[in-house]
C-alpha atoms as a PDB file:
ATOM      1  CA  MET A   1      92.452  57.667 -50.080  1.00  0.00           C
ATOM      2  CA  PHE A   2      90.892  54.209 -49.671  1.00  0.00           C
ATOM      3  CA  GLY A   3      87.524  55.736 -48.805  1.00  0.00           C
ATOM      4  CA  ILE A   4      87.289  57.236 -52.279  1.00  0.00           C
ATOM      5  CA  PHE A   5      86.897  53.864 -53.976  1.00  0.00           C
ATOM      6  CA  GLY A   6      85.162  52.017 -51.157  1.00  0.00           C
ATOM      7  CA  ARG A   7      86.098  48.647 -49.734  1.00  0.00           C
ATOM      8  CA  SER A   8      87.351  45.997 -52.122  1.00  0.00           C
ATOM      9  CA  GLN A   9      85.029  43.162 -53.024  1.00  0.00           C
ATOM     10  CA  GLU A  10      87.400  40.725 -51.307  1.00  0.00           C
ATOM     11  CA  LEU A  11      87.194  42.677 -48.027  1.00  0.00           C
ATOM     12  CA  GLN A  12      83.420  42.859 -48.319  1.00  0.00           C
ATOM     13  CA  ASN A  13      83.268  39.102 -48.894  1.00  0.00           C
ATOM     14  CA  LEU A  14      85.466  38.464 -45.868  1.00  0.00           C
ATOM     15  CA  ASP A  15      83.256  40.783 -43.789  1.00  0.00           C
ATOM     16  CA  HIS A  16      80.195  38.735 -44.832  1.00  0.00           C
ATOM     17  CA  ALA A  17      81.999  35.503 -43.927  1.00  0.00           C
ATOM     18  CA  LEU A  18      82.940  36.950 -40.529  1.00  0.00           C
ATOM     19  CA  ARG A  19      79.317  37.877 -39.881  1.00  0.00           C
ATOM     20  CA  ALA A  20      78.291  34.312 -40.762  1.00  0.00           C
ATOM     21  CA  ALA A  21      80.922  33.084 -38.286  1.00  0.00           C
ATOM     22  CA  GLY A  22      79.310  35.208 -35.576  1.00  0.00           C
ATOM     23  CA  VAL A  23      81.831  38.039 -35.483  1.00  0.00           C
ATOM     24  CA  HIS A  24      81.054  41.663 -36.225  1.00  0.00           C
ATOM     25  CA  PRO A  25      83.587  42.698 -38.896  1.00  0.00           C
ATOM     26  CA  ARG A  26      84.493  45.893 -37.042  1.00  0.00           C
ATOM     27  CA  THR A  27      85.946  43.860 -34.177  1.00  0.00           C
ATOM     28  CA  ILE A  28      88.765  42.778 -36.470  1.00  0.00           C
ATOM     29  CA  PRO A  29      91.074  45.524 -37.769  1.00  0.00           C
ATOM     30  CA  ASP A  30      91.405  45.966 -41.516  1.00  0.00           C
ATOM     31  CA  ALA A  31      95.126  45.213 -41.295  1.00  0.00           C
ATOM     32  CA  VAL A  32      94.310  41.740 -39.944  1.00  0.00           C
ATOM     33  CA  LYS A  33      91.678  41.191 -42.630  1.00  0.00           C
ATOM     34  CA  ILE A  34      94.047  42.305 -45.405  1.00  0.00           C
ATOM     35  CA  THR A  35      96.764  40.007 -44.067  1.00  0.00           C
ATOM     36  CA  THR A  36      94.241  37.178 -43.892  1.00  0.00           C
ATOM     37  CA  LEU A  37      93.331  37.737 -47.538  1.00  0.00           C
ATOM     38  CA  LYS A  38      97.023  37.755 -48.500  1.00  0.00           C
ATOM     39  CA  GLN A  39      97.554  34.489 -46.632  1.00  0.00           C
ATOM     40  CA  LEU A  40      94.548  32.937 -48.370  1.00  0.00           C
ATOM     41  CA  LYS A  41      95.826  34.053 -51.775  1.00  0.00           C
ATOM     42  CA  GLU A  42      99.288  32.697 -51.035  1.00  0.00           C
ATOM     43  CA  ALA A  43      97.817  29.346 -49.991  1.00  0.00           C
ATOM     44  CA  ASN A  44      95.799  29.288 -53.226  1.00  0.00           C
ATOM     45  CA  GLY A  45      98.721  29.949 -55.551  1.00  0.00           C
ATOM     46  CA  GLY A  46      97.954  33.648 -55.919  1.00  0.00           C
ATOM     47  CA  ALA A  47      94.325  33.181 -56.926  1.00  0.00           C
ATOM     48  CA  ARG A  48      91.480  34.959 -55.179  1.00  0.00           C
ATOM     49  CA  PRO A  49      90.044  32.931 -52.322  1.00  0.00           C
ATOM     50  CA  ASP A  50      86.669  31.365 -53.002  1.00  0.00           C
ATOM     51  CA  SER A  51      83.727  31.558 -50.629  1.00  0.00           C
ATOM     52  CA  ALA A  52      84.629  28.235 -48.961  1.00  0.00           C
ATOM     53  CA  ALA A  53      88.158  29.471 -48.183  1.00  0.00           C
ATOM     54  CA  LEU A  54      86.790  32.749 -46.821  1.00  0.00           C
ATOM     55  CA  ALA A  55      84.256  30.894 -44.678  1.00  0.00           C
ATOM     56  CA  GLY A  56      86.952  28.584 -43.330  1.00  0.00           C
ATOM     57  CA  ALA A  57      89.234  31.471 -42.431  1.00  0.00           C
ATOM     58  CA  ALA A  58      86.347  33.404 -40.887  1.00  0.00           C
ATOM     59  CA  ASP A  59      85.428  30.404 -38.728  1.00  0.00           C
ATOM     60  CA  LEU A  60      88.974  30.133 -37.421  1.00  0.00           C
ATOM     61  CA  LEU A  61      89.256  33.887 -36.808  1.00  0.00           C
ATOM     62  CA  GLY A  62      85.846  33.888 -35.170  1.00  0.00           C
ATOM     63  CA  TYR A  63      86.759  31.029 -32.863  1.00  0.00           C
ATOM     64  CA  CYS A  64      89.962  32.806 -31.865  1.00  0.00           C
ATOM     65  CA  VAL A  65      88.151  36.088 -31.134  1.00  0.00           C
ATOM     66  CA  LEU A  66      85.048  34.713 -29.465  1.00  0.00           C
ATOM     67  CA  GLY A  67      86.560  31.810 -27.584  1.00  0.00           C
ATOM     68  CA  PRO A  68      85.031  28.355 -27.238  1.00  0.00           C
ATOM     69  CA  GLN A  69      81.984  29.264 -25.175  1.00  0.00           C
ATOM     70  CA  ALA A  70      80.728  32.243 -27.188  1.00  0.00           C
ATOM     71  CA  TYR A  71      81.460  30.436 -30.461  1.00  0.00           C
ATOM     72  CA  ALA A  72      79.510  27.402 -29.237  1.00  0.00           C
ATOM     73  CA  GLU A  73      76.501  29.606 -28.473  1.00  0.00           C
ATOM     74  CA  LYS A  74      76.333  30.666 -32.120  1.00  0.00           C
ATOM     75  CA  HIS A  75      77.060  27.414 -33.995  1.00  0.00           C
ATOM     76  CA  ASP A  76      76.110  23.774 -34.215  1.00  0.00           C
ATOM     77  CA  ARG A  77      78.192  20.946 -32.814  1.00  0.00           C
ATOM     78  CA  ASN A  78      79.671  19.869 -36.178  1.00  0.00           C
ATOM     79  CA  ARG A  79      80.941  23.350 -36.984  1.00  0.00           C
ATOM     80  CA  ILE A  80      82.448  23.712 -33.511  1.00  0.00           C
ATOM     81  CA  GLN A  81      84.164  20.331 -33.755  1.00  0.00           C
ATOM     82  CA  ALA A  82      85.558  21.131 -37.203  1.00  0.00           C
ATOM     83  CA  VAL A  83      87.101  24.444 -36.140  1.00  0.00           C
ATOM     84  CA  GLU A  84      88.491  22.956 -32.921  1.00  0.00           C
ATOM     85  CA  GLU A  85      90.123  20.138 -34.901  1.00  0.00           C
ATOM     86  CA  ARG A  86      91.679  22.670 -37.272  1.00  0.00           C
ATOM     87  CA  LEU A  87      92.945  24.759 -34.364  1.00  0.00           C
ATOM     88  CA  ASN A  88      94.438  21.748 -32.580  1.00  0.00           C
ATOM     89  CA  ALA A  89      96.078  20.425 -35.758  1.00  0.00           C
ATOM     90  CA  ALA A  90      97.546  23.841 -36.575  1.00  0.00           C
ATOM     91  CA  ILE A  91      98.950  24.297 -33.090  1.00  0.00           C
ATOM     92  CA  GLU A  92     100.385  20.786 -33.104  1.00  0.00           C
ATOM     93  CA  SER A  93     102.037  21.094 -36.521  1.00  0.00           C
ATOM     94  CA  GLY A  94     103.077  24.726 -36.184  1.00  0.00           C
ATOM     95  CA  TYR A  95     102.894  25.413 -39.904  1.00  0.00           C
ATOM     96  CA  GLY A  96     100.367  25.889 -42.681  1.00  0.00           C
ATOM     97  CA  LEU A  97      97.663  28.414 -43.384  1.00  0.00           C
ATOM     98  CA  ASP A  98      95.702  27.779 -40.188  1.00  0.00           C
ATOM     99  CA  ALA A  99      98.832  28.112 -38.050  1.00  0.00           C
ATOM    100  CA  ARG A 100      99.660  31.419 -39.754  1.00  0.00           C
ATOM    101  CA  LEU A 101      96.133  32.718 -39.159  1.00  0.00           C
ATOM    102  CA  ILE A 102      96.273  31.707 -35.500  1.00  0.00           C
ATOM    103  CA  MET A 103      99.623  33.472 -35.105  1.00  0.00           C
ATOM    104  CA  LEU A 104      98.212  36.541 -36.841  1.00  0.00           C
ATOM    105  CA  MET A 105      95.366  36.694 -34.344  1.00  0.00           C
ATOM    106  CA  LEU A 106      97.740  36.127 -31.450  1.00  0.00           C
ATOM    107  CA  HIS A 107     100.120  38.888 -32.593  1.00  0.00           C
ATOM    108  CA  ALA A 108      97.192  41.249 -33.151  1.00  0.00           C
ATOM    109  CA  GLY A 109      96.072  40.675 -29.571  1.00  0.00           C
ATOM    110  CA  LEU A 110      92.721  39.305 -30.708  1.00  0.00           C
ATOM    111  CA  THR A 111      92.939  35.756 -29.368  1.00  0.00           C
ATOM    112  CA  HIS A 112      90.561  34.919 -26.528  1.00  0.00           C
ATOM    113  CA  ARG A 113      92.326  34.466 -23.199  1.00  0.00           C
ATOM    114  CA  GLU A 114      90.850  30.983 -22.694  1.00  0.00           C
ATOM    115  CA  LEU A 115      92.501  29.742 -25.890  1.00  0.00           C
ATOM    116  CA  ILE A 116      95.828  31.294 -24.944  1.00  0.00           C
ATOM    117  CA  GLU A 117      95.756  29.593 -21.565  1.00  0.00           C
ATOM    118  CA  ARG A 118      94.378  26.248 -22.771  1.00  0.00           C
ATOM    119  CA  HIS A 119      96.973  25.879 -25.521  1.00  0.00           C
ATOM    120  CA  GLN A 120      99.750  27.790 -23.762  1.00  0.00           C
ATOM    121  CA  LEU A 121     100.128  30.089 -26.739  1.00  0.00           C
ATOM    122  CA  ASP A 122     102.963  32.561 -26.695  1.00  0.00           C
ATOM    123  CA  ILE A 123     104.098  35.164 -29.188  1.00  0.00           C
ATOM    124  CA  ALA A 124     107.789  34.440 -28.583  1.00  0.00           C
END
């Protein structure tokens, strides 16, 4: 049924943001992308996420999928530092949009093993 109308503009925008983050959109299931968009909308009071919010989410998802080394090969030092700071803050606080996105990736089985081990992440 969804193929009849094509992909929503929001999903297309998130796919573009993922590509810019160094991740091929097909490596992330649509269910994860749809949940990401819902989380972004919720964090924005129900409004559609803007391009900056999509880029920020894509960077965090990309870092989780690629891991530190592969992400570092694709991005400059400032971008790497920014996403690592967000990841560390989210893990430390345990709440907020970034923490929910990290948990989403963990539950979906998409988090790079190095991050799981480094931060002792657990689904429980």
